[in-house]
């Protein structure tokens, strides 16, 4: 049996290209992990919280079929990039929240031992506060579509449930986090990861953050041997 890494492919919450990172993830699988890529419903079909509900359903499916896939069901980590990073973060922080799951977390509980976040959005209402190549407020923007095709700043009640920090407090147990973000990201501002890092620290949670100097939104800097070694070392520590 092998530890399971549940990877959530980023897509601006639209339809995912599920095979996009398979060549890179296959390199990681050689290190001794089962890697499963989650498909979530795109936001035009099902807005938030469909994406994290789908991630939790996928984890439960994999746990039920652990023997078939040679998975150790007690050794599960989440990993996502961009919108997939947001989904991984939200999933890891809200595992026991029945309102954010299609199955009962009491009847079918799931545990996640670690979360790896590559440049995920944290607070969609603050993304335009830093330079970006995209307007993150418009109803047709990825962020607007995530909350049902409405203007982000005009709908704080719909934004708040999408912000992972909303669910943090000092008494709540959450998995350890590894955050990696490029400081030249032109799409999801670097400050988004700083928000998450600071909130986790303030709530006495385990978190490590790496800044990739000069890196933009994804691409080869995130798949170097050095970065994969950082991820592998973090997961081995907590799995």
C-alpha atoms as a PDB file:
ATOM      1  CA  UNK A   1       0.000   0.000   0.000  1.00  0.00           C
ATOM      2  CA  UNK A   2       1.179   3.486  -0.863  1.00  0.00           C
ATOM      3  CA  UNK A   3       0.339   6.986   0.381  1.00  0.00           C
ATOM      4  CA  UNK A   4      -2.215   8.802  -1.750  1.00  0.00           C
ATOM      5  CA  UNK A   5      -1.777  12.271  -3.231  1.00  0.00           C
ATOM      6  CA  UNK A   6      -5.063  13.726  -4.455  1.00  0.00           C
ATOM      7  CA  UNK A   7      -4.153  16.334  -7.080  1.00  0.00           C
ATOM      8  CA  UNK A   8      -6.658  19.030  -8.095  1.00  0.00           C
ATOM      9  CA  UNK A   9      -5.846  20.571 -11.459  1.00  0.00           C
ATOM     10  CA  UNK A  10      -6.309  24.321 -11.704  1.00  0.00           C
ATOM     11  CA  UNK A  11      -8.600  25.758 -14.361  1.00  0.00           C
ATOM     12  CA  UNK A  12      -9.892  29.115 -13.056  1.00  0.00           C
ATOM     13  CA  UNK A  13     -12.762  26.914 -11.790  1.00  0.00           C
ATOM     14  CA  UNK A  14     -13.783  26.278 -15.409  1.00  0.00           C
ATOM     15  CA  UNK A  15     -13.473  22.918 -17.211  1.00  0.00           C
ATOM     16  CA  UNK A  16     -10.154  21.307 -16.329  1.00  0.00           C
ATOM     17  CA  UNK A  17      -7.539  19.883 -18.651  1.00  0.00           C
ATOM     18  CA  UNK A  18      -7.097  16.822 -16.457  1.00  0.00           C
ATOM     19  CA  UNK A  19      -3.998  15.563 -18.244  1.00  0.00           C
ATOM     20  CA  UNK A  20      -2.116  18.852 -18.133  1.00  0.00           C
ATOM     21  CA  UNK A  21       0.292  17.919 -15.330  1.00  0.00           C
ATOM     22  CA  UNK A  22       0.329  14.141 -15.834  1.00  0.00           C
ATOM     23  CA  UNK A  23       3.938  14.145 -17.136  1.00  0.00           C
ATOM     24  CA  UNK A  24       5.076  16.004 -14.016  1.00  0.00           C
ATOM     25  CA  UNK A  25       2.893  14.026 -11.617  1.00  0.00           C
ATOM     26  CA  UNK A  26       4.196  10.768 -13.076  1.00  0.00           C
ATOM     27  CA  UNK A  27       7.679  11.877 -12.025  1.00  0.00           C
ATOM     28  CA  UNK A  28       6.314  12.375  -8.543  1.00  0.00           C
ATOM     29  CA  UNK A  29       4.576   8.984  -8.563  1.00  0.00           C
ATOM     30  CA  UNK A  30       7.978   7.368  -9.072  1.00  0.00           C
ATOM     31  CA  UNK A  31       8.835   8.577  -5.594  1.00  0.00           C
ATOM     32  CA  UNK A  32       6.341   6.079  -4.144  1.00  0.00           C
ATOM     33  CA  UNK A  33       2.907   7.701  -4.171  1.00  0.00           C
ATOM     34  CA  UNK A  34      -0.404   6.867  -5.770  1.00  0.00           C
ATOM     35  CA  UNK A  35      -1.487  10.074  -7.509  1.00  0.00           C
ATOM     36  CA  UNK A  36      -5.148  10.625  -8.365  1.00  0.00           C
ATOM     37  CA  UNK A  37      -6.370  13.651 -10.346  1.00  0.00           C
ATOM     38  CA  UNK A  38      -9.775  15.006  -9.303  1.00  0.00           C
ATOM     39  CA  UNK A  39     -12.310  16.360 -11.761  1.00  0.00           C
ATOM     40  CA  UNK A  40     -14.632  18.970 -10.290  1.00  0.00           C
ATOM     41  CA  UNK A  41     -17.742  20.473 -11.825  1.00  0.00           C
ATOM     42  CA  UNK A  42     -16.900  23.743 -13.596  1.00  0.00           C
ATOM     43  CA  UNK A  43     -18.374  26.925 -12.167  1.00  0.00           C
ATOM     44  CA  UNK A  44     -20.734  27.694 -15.109  1.00  0.00           C
ATOM     45  CA  UNK A  45     -22.438  24.359 -14.393  1.00  0.00           C
ATOM     46  CA  UNK A  46     -22.162  24.365 -10.592  1.00  0.00           C
ATOM     47  CA  UNK A  47     -20.764  27.323  -8.636  1.00  0.00           C
ATOM     48  CA  UNK A  48     -19.108  27.128  -5.226  1.00  0.00           C
ATOM     49  CA  UNK A  49     -19.087  24.915  -3.163  1.00  0.00           C
ATOM     50  CA  UNK A  50     -19.482  22.202  -5.819  1.00  0.00           C
ATOM     51  CA  UNK A  51     -15.733  22.009  -6.377  1.00  0.00           C
ATOM     52  CA  UNK A  52     -14.784  21.045  -2.838  1.00  0.00           C
ATOM     53  CA  UNK A  53     -17.801  18.761  -2.522  1.00  0.00           C
ATOM     54  CA  UNK A  54     -16.511  16.914  -5.575  1.00  0.00           C
ATOM     55  CA  UNK A  55     -13.017  16.694  -4.097  1.00  0.00           C
ATOM     56  CA  UNK A  56     -14.391  15.157  -0.905  1.00  0.00           C
ATOM     57  CA  UNK A  57     -16.531  12.705  -2.885  1.00  0.00           C
ATOM     58  CA  UNK A  58     -13.427  11.680  -4.827  1.00  0.00           C
ATOM     59  CA  UNK A  59     -11.454  11.105  -1.627  1.00  0.00           C
ATOM     60  CA  UNK A  60     -14.251   8.944  -0.228  1.00  0.00           C
ATOM     61  CA  UNK A  61     -14.386   6.940  -3.464  1.00  0.00           C
ATOM     62  CA  UNK A  62     -10.651   6.342  -3.299  1.00  0.00           C
ATOM     63  CA  UNK A  63     -10.860   5.305   0.356  1.00  0.00           C
ATOM     64  CA  UNK A  64     -13.663   2.840  -0.422  1.00  0.00           C
ATOM     65  CA  UNK A  65     -11.561   1.381  -3.248  1.00  0.00           C
ATOM     66  CA  UNK A  66      -8.217   1.638  -1.493  1.00  0.00           C
ATOM     67  CA  UNK A  67      -7.289  -2.006  -1.994  1.00  0.00           C
ATOM     68  CA  UNK A  68      -7.995  -1.825  -5.741  1.00  0.00           C
ATOM     69  CA  UNK A  69      -5.647   1.135  -6.149  1.00  0.00           C
ATOM     70  CA  UNK A  70      -3.005  -0.020  -3.612  1.00  0.00           C
ATOM     71  CA  UNK A  71      -3.756   2.978  -1.383  1.00  0.00           C
ATOM     72  CA  UNK A  72      -3.134   3.306   2.318  1.00  0.00           C
ATOM     73  CA  UNK A  73      -6.472   4.941   3.253  1.00  0.00           C
ATOM     74  CA  UNK A  74      -4.977   6.556   6.354  1.00  0.00           C
ATOM     75  CA  UNK A  75      -2.218   8.311   4.426  1.00  0.00           C
ATOM     76  CA  UNK A  76      -3.839  10.947   2.211  1.00  0.00           C
ATOM     77  CA  UNK A  77      -2.545  14.353   1.125  1.00  0.00           C
ATOM     78  CA  UNK A  78      -4.108  17.072  -1.016  1.00  0.00           C
ATOM     79  CA  UNK A  79      -2.239  19.044  -3.655  1.00  0.00           C
ATOM     80  CA  UNK A  80      -3.590  21.639  -6.044  1.00  0.00           C
ATOM     81  CA  UNK A  81      -2.498  24.522  -8.223  1.00  0.00           C
ATOM     82  CA  UNK A  82      -4.274  27.849  -8.789  1.00  0.00           C
ATOM     83  CA  UNK A  83      -8.047  27.255  -8.502  1.00  0.00           C
ATOM     84  CA  UNK A  84      -7.168  23.641  -7.679  1.00  0.00           C
ATOM     85  CA  UNK A  85      -5.017  24.988  -4.873  1.00  0.00           C
ATOM     86  CA  UNK A  86      -8.011  26.928  -3.578  1.00  0.00           C
ATOM     87  CA  UNK A  87     -10.099  23.752  -3.708  1.00  0.00           C
ATOM     88  CA  UNK A  88      -7.389  21.751  -1.917  1.00  0.00           C
ATOM     89  CA  UNK A  89      -7.114  24.396   0.817  1.00  0.00           C
ATOM     90  CA  UNK A  90     -10.868  24.625   1.287  1.00  0.00           C
ATOM     91  CA  UNK A  91     -11.210  20.848   1.343  1.00  0.00           C
ATOM     92  CA  UNK A  92      -8.482  20.440   3.935  1.00  0.00           C
ATOM     93  CA  UNK A  93      -9.923  23.106   6.221  1.00  0.00           C
ATOM     94  CA  UNK A  94     -13.591  22.022   5.995  1.00  0.00           C
ATOM     95  CA  UNK A  95     -13.366  18.215   6.118  1.00  0.00           C
ATOM     96  CA  UNK A  96     -15.919  17.913   8.925  1.00  0.00           C
ATOM     97  CA  UNK A  97     -18.376  20.576   7.699  1.00  0.00           C
ATOM     98  CA  UNK A  98     -21.606  18.814   6.616  1.00  0.00           C
ATOM     99  CA  UNK A  99     -22.811  21.859   4.653  1.00  0.00           C
ATOM    100  CA  UNK A 100     -19.776  21.562   2.374  1.00  0.00           C
ATOM    101  CA  UNK A 101     -20.038  17.856   1.597  1.00  0.00           C
ATOM    102  CA  UNK A 102     -22.429  15.690  -0.424  1.00  0.00           C
ATOM    103  CA  UNK A 103     -21.863  12.785   1.975  1.00  0.00           C
ATOM    104  CA  UNK A 104     -22.093  12.671   5.742  1.00  0.00           C
ATOM    105  CA  UNK A 105     -18.738  13.491   7.375  1.00  0.00           C
ATOM    106  CA  UNK A 106     -20.000  11.615  10.431  1.00  0.00           C
ATOM    107  CA  UNK A 107     -20.950   8.406   8.615  1.00  0.00           C
ATOM    108  CA  UNK A 108     -17.977   8.549   6.264  1.00  0.00           C
ATOM    109  CA  UNK A 109     -15.257  10.728   7.808  1.00  0.00           C
ATOM    110  CA  UNK A 110     -12.081  11.515   5.922  1.00  0.00           C
ATOM    111  CA  UNK A 111      -8.707  12.573   7.216  1.00  0.00           C
ATOM    112  CA  UNK A 112      -6.103  14.484   5.264  1.00  0.00           C
ATOM    113  CA  UNK A 113      -2.569  14.482   6.623  1.00  0.00           C
ATOM    114  CA  UNK A 114      -1.172  17.394   4.599  1.00  0.00           C
ATOM    115  CA  UNK A 115      -2.088  20.047   2.017  1.00  0.00           C
ATOM    116  CA  UNK A 116       0.192  21.384  -0.709  1.00  0.00           C
ATOM    117  CA  UNK A 117      -0.926  24.676  -2.243  1.00  0.00           C
ATOM    118  CA  UNK A 118       0.644  25.992  -5.445  1.00  0.00           C
ATOM    119  CA  UNK A 119      -0.377  29.677  -5.884  1.00  0.00           C
ATOM    120  CA  UNK A 120      -4.053  29.249  -4.956  1.00  0.00           C
ATOM    121  CA  UNK A 121      -6.421  32.238  -4.595  1.00  0.00           C
ATOM    122  CA  UNK A 122      -7.424  32.959  -1.001  1.00  0.00           C
ATOM    123  CA  UNK A 123      -9.698  36.017  -0.894  1.00  0.00           C
ATOM    124  CA  UNK A 124     -11.267  36.786  -4.264  1.00  0.00           C
ATOM    125  CA  UNK A 125     -12.431  40.200  -3.067  1.00  0.00           C
ATOM    126  CA  UNK A 126      -8.800  41.313  -2.600  1.00  0.00           C
ATOM    127  CA  UNK A 127      -7.220  40.001  -5.791  1.00  0.00           C
ATOM    128  CA  UNK A 128      -7.465  43.345  -7.585  1.00  0.00           C
ATOM    129  CA  UNK A 129      -5.482  45.083  -4.837  1.00  0.00           C
ATOM    130  CA  UNK A 130      -2.256  43.932  -6.537  1.00  0.00           C
ATOM    131  CA  UNK A 131      -1.225  44.201 -10.213  1.00  0.00           C
ATOM    132  CA  UNK A 132      -2.799  41.462 -12.336  1.00  0.00           C
ATOM    133  CA  UNK A 133      -3.398  40.674 -15.990  1.00  0.00           C
ATOM    134  CA  UNK A 134      -7.075  40.080 -15.290  1.00  0.00           C
ATOM    135  CA  UNK A 135     -10.032  41.809 -13.658  1.00  0.00           C
ATOM    136  CA  UNK A 136     -11.083  39.574 -10.777  1.00  0.00           C
ATOM    137  CA  UNK A 137     -14.299  41.447  -9.932  1.00  0.00           C
ATOM    138  CA  UNK A 138     -16.492  41.281 -13.026  1.00  0.00           C
ATOM    139  CA  UNK A 139     -19.465  38.848 -13.084  1.00  0.00           C
ATOM    140  CA  UNK A 140     -17.901  37.029 -16.049  1.00  0.00           C
ATOM    141  CA  UNK A 141     -14.465  36.752 -14.418  1.00  0.00           C
ATOM    142  CA  UNK A 142     -13.403  33.382 -12.958  1.00  0.00           C
ATOM    143  CA  UNK A 143     -14.030  34.772  -9.488  1.00  0.00           C
ATOM    144  CA  UNK A 144     -17.437  36.167 -10.433  1.00  0.00           C
ATOM    145  CA  UNK A 145     -18.418  32.870 -12.043  1.00  0.00           C
ATOM    146  CA  UNK A 146     -17.288  30.953  -8.950  1.00  0.00           C
ATOM    147  CA  UNK A 147     -20.012  32.680  -6.936  1.00  0.00           C
ATOM    148  CA  UNK A 148     -22.731  32.399  -9.564  1.00  0.00           C
ATOM    149  CA  UNK A 149     -21.888  34.982 -12.228  1.00  0.00           C
ATOM    150  CA  UNK A 150     -22.239  38.108 -10.083  1.00  0.00           C
ATOM    151  CA  UNK A 151     -19.981  41.062  -9.297  1.00  0.00           C
ATOM    152  CA  UNK A 152     -17.517  40.063  -6.598  1.00  0.00           C
ATOM    153  CA  UNK A 153     -17.390  43.304  -4.642  1.00  0.00           C
ATOM    154  CA  UNK A 154     -21.166  43.713  -4.679  1.00  0.00           C
ATOM    155  CA  UNK A 155     -21.751  40.270  -3.124  1.00  0.00           C
ATOM    156  CA  UNK A 156     -19.712  39.953   0.082  1.00  0.00           C
ATOM    157  CA  UNK A 157     -22.176  37.388   1.430  1.00  0.00           C
ATOM    158  CA  UNK A 158     -21.324  35.059  -1.464  1.00  0.00           C
ATOM    159  CA  UNK A 159     -17.610  35.782  -1.274  1.00  0.00           C
ATOM    160  CA  UNK A 160     -17.153  35.039   2.425  1.00  0.00           C
ATOM    161  CA  UNK A 161     -17.878  31.266   2.241  1.00  0.00           C
ATOM    162  CA  UNK A 162     -15.190  30.926  -0.482  1.00  0.00           C
ATOM    163  CA  UNK A 163     -12.449  32.402   1.725  1.00  0.00           C
ATOM    164  CA  UNK A 164     -10.559  29.633   3.584  1.00  0.00           C
ATOM    165  CA  UNK A 165      -9.558  32.018   6.367  1.00  0.00           C
ATOM    166  CA  UNK A 166     -13.255  32.259   7.283  1.00  0.00           C
ATOM    167  CA  UNK A 167     -13.136  28.713   8.673  1.00  0.00           C
ATOM    168  CA  UNK A 168      -9.974  29.006  10.750  1.00  0.00           C
ATOM    169  CA  UNK A 169      -9.798  29.324  14.514  1.00  0.00           C
ATOM    170  CA  UNK A 170      -7.268  28.275  17.109  1.00  0.00           C
ATOM    171  CA  UNK A 171      -9.345  25.338  18.389  1.00  0.00           C
ATOM    172  CA  UNK A 172     -10.005  23.785  15.000  1.00  0.00           C
ATOM    173  CA  UNK A 173      -7.596  21.120  13.817  1.00  0.00           C
ATOM    174  CA  UNK A 174      -6.407  21.411  10.218  1.00  0.00           C
ATOM    175  CA  UNK A 175      -3.667  19.566   8.318  1.00  0.00           C
ATOM    176  CA  UNK A 176      -0.171  21.031   7.951  1.00  0.00           C
ATOM    177  CA  UNK A 177       0.229  23.293   4.904  1.00  0.00           C
ATOM    178  CA  UNK A 178       2.992  23.782   2.368  1.00  0.00           C
ATOM    179  CA  UNK A 179       2.543  26.925   0.227  1.00  0.00           C
ATOM    180  CA  UNK A 180       4.648  27.680  -2.866  1.00  0.00           C
ATOM    181  CA  UNK A 181       4.038  30.838  -4.908  1.00  0.00           C
ATOM    182  CA  UNK A 182       6.006  32.886  -7.429  1.00  0.00           C
ATOM    183  CA  UNK A 183       6.539  36.520  -6.501  1.00  0.00           C
ATOM    184  CA  UNK A 184       6.058  37.610 -10.139  1.00  0.00           C
ATOM    185  CA  UNK A 185       2.675  35.892 -10.533  1.00  0.00           C
ATOM    186  CA  UNK A 186       0.663  38.084 -12.895  1.00  0.00           C
ATOM    187  CA  UNK A 187      -2.622  36.220 -12.420  1.00  0.00           C
ATOM    188  CA  UNK A 188      -2.991  35.205  -8.760  1.00  0.00           C
ATOM    189  CA  UNK A 189      -1.070  37.845  -6.786  1.00  0.00           C
ATOM    190  CA  UNK A 190       1.669  36.647  -4.454  1.00  0.00           C
ATOM    191  CA  UNK A 191      -0.057  38.461  -1.602  1.00  0.00           C
ATOM    192  CA  UNK A 192      -2.869  35.928  -1.706  1.00  0.00           C
ATOM    193  CA  UNK A 193      -0.576  33.232  -0.326  1.00  0.00           C
ATOM    194  CA  UNK A 194       0.766  35.674   2.253  1.00  0.00           C
ATOM    195  CA  UNK A 195      -2.818  36.122   3.509  1.00  0.00           C
ATOM    196  CA  UNK A 196      -3.169  32.369   4.031  1.00  0.00           C
ATOM    197  CA  UNK A 197       0.264  31.984   5.594  1.00  0.00           C
ATOM    198  CA  UNK A 198      -0.334  34.782   8.093  1.00  0.00           C
ATOM    199  CA  UNK A 199      -3.832  33.515   8.986  1.00  0.00           C
ATOM    200  CA  UNK A 200      -2.537  29.993   9.621  1.00  0.00           C
ATOM    201  CA  UNK A 201       0.308  31.336  11.759  1.00  0.00           C
ATOM    202  CA  UNK A 202      -2.064  33.576  13.748  1.00  0.00           C
ATOM    203  CA  UNK A 203      -4.216  30.524  14.482  1.00  0.00           C
ATOM    204  CA  UNK A 204      -1.232  28.429  15.585  1.00  0.00           C
ATOM    205  CA  UNK A 205      -1.360  26.058  12.601  1.00  0.00           C
ATOM    206  CA  UNK A 206       1.557  24.266  10.975  1.00  0.00           C
ATOM    207  CA  UNK A 207       2.555  26.012   7.735  1.00  0.00           C
ATOM    208  CA  UNK A 208       5.663  26.425   5.593  1.00  0.00           C
ATOM    209  CA  UNK A 209       5.808  28.878   2.693  1.00  0.00           C
ATOM    210  CA  UNK A 210       8.328  29.187  -0.138  1.00  0.00           C
ATOM    211  CA  UNK A 211       8.637  32.174  -2.451  1.00  0.00           C
ATOM    212  CA  UNK A 212       9.871  31.259  -5.926  1.00  0.00           C
ATOM    213  CA  UNK A 213      11.808  34.364  -6.876  1.00  0.00           C
ATOM    214  CA  UNK A 214      10.877  35.589 -10.349  1.00  0.00           C
ATOM    215  CA  UNK A 215       8.335  32.827 -11.022  1.00  0.00           C
ATOM    216  CA  UNK A 216       5.046  33.634 -12.751  1.00  0.00           C
ATOM    217  CA  UNK A 217       1.747  31.712 -12.594  1.00  0.00           C
ATOM    218  CA  UNK A 218       2.833  28.091 -12.812  1.00  0.00           C
ATOM    219  CA  UNK A 219       5.104  26.555 -15.397  1.00  0.00           C
ATOM    220  CA  UNK A 220       8.504  24.912 -15.201  1.00  0.00           C
ATOM    221  CA  UNK A 221       9.830  26.704 -12.065  1.00  0.00           C
ATOM    222  CA  UNK A 222       7.310  24.724 -10.004  1.00  0.00           C
ATOM    223  CA  UNK A 223       8.393  21.356 -11.395  1.00  0.00           C
ATOM    224  CA  UNK A 224      12.127  21.449 -10.873  1.00  0.00           C
ATOM    225  CA  UNK A 225      13.819  18.633  -8.996  1.00  0.00           C
ATOM    226  CA  UNK A 226      14.440  21.065  -6.135  1.00  0.00           C
ATOM    227  CA  UNK A 227      10.746  21.962  -5.748  1.00  0.00           C
ATOM    228  CA  UNK A 228       9.613  18.349  -6.062  1.00  0.00           C
ATOM    229  CA  UNK A 229      12.132  17.448  -3.352  1.00  0.00           C
ATOM    230  CA  UNK A 230      10.604  20.118  -1.085  1.00  0.00           C
ATOM    231  CA  UNK A 231       7.113  18.688  -1.675  1.00  0.00           C
ATOM    232  CA  UNK A 232       8.307  15.111  -1.204  1.00  0.00           C
ATOM    233  CA  UNK A 233      10.138  15.962   2.023  1.00  0.00           C
ATOM    234  CA  UNK A 234       7.073  17.783   3.395  1.00  0.00           C
ATOM    235  CA  UNK A 235       4.735  14.887   2.577  1.00  0.00           C
ATOM    236  CA  UNK A 236       7.078  12.243   4.016  1.00  0.00           C
ATOM    237  CA  UNK A 237       7.277  14.247   7.226  1.00  0.00           C
ATOM    238  CA  UNK A 238       3.485  14.221   7.644  1.00  0.00           C
ATOM    239  CA  UNK A 239       2.508  10.907   6.005  1.00  0.00           C
END
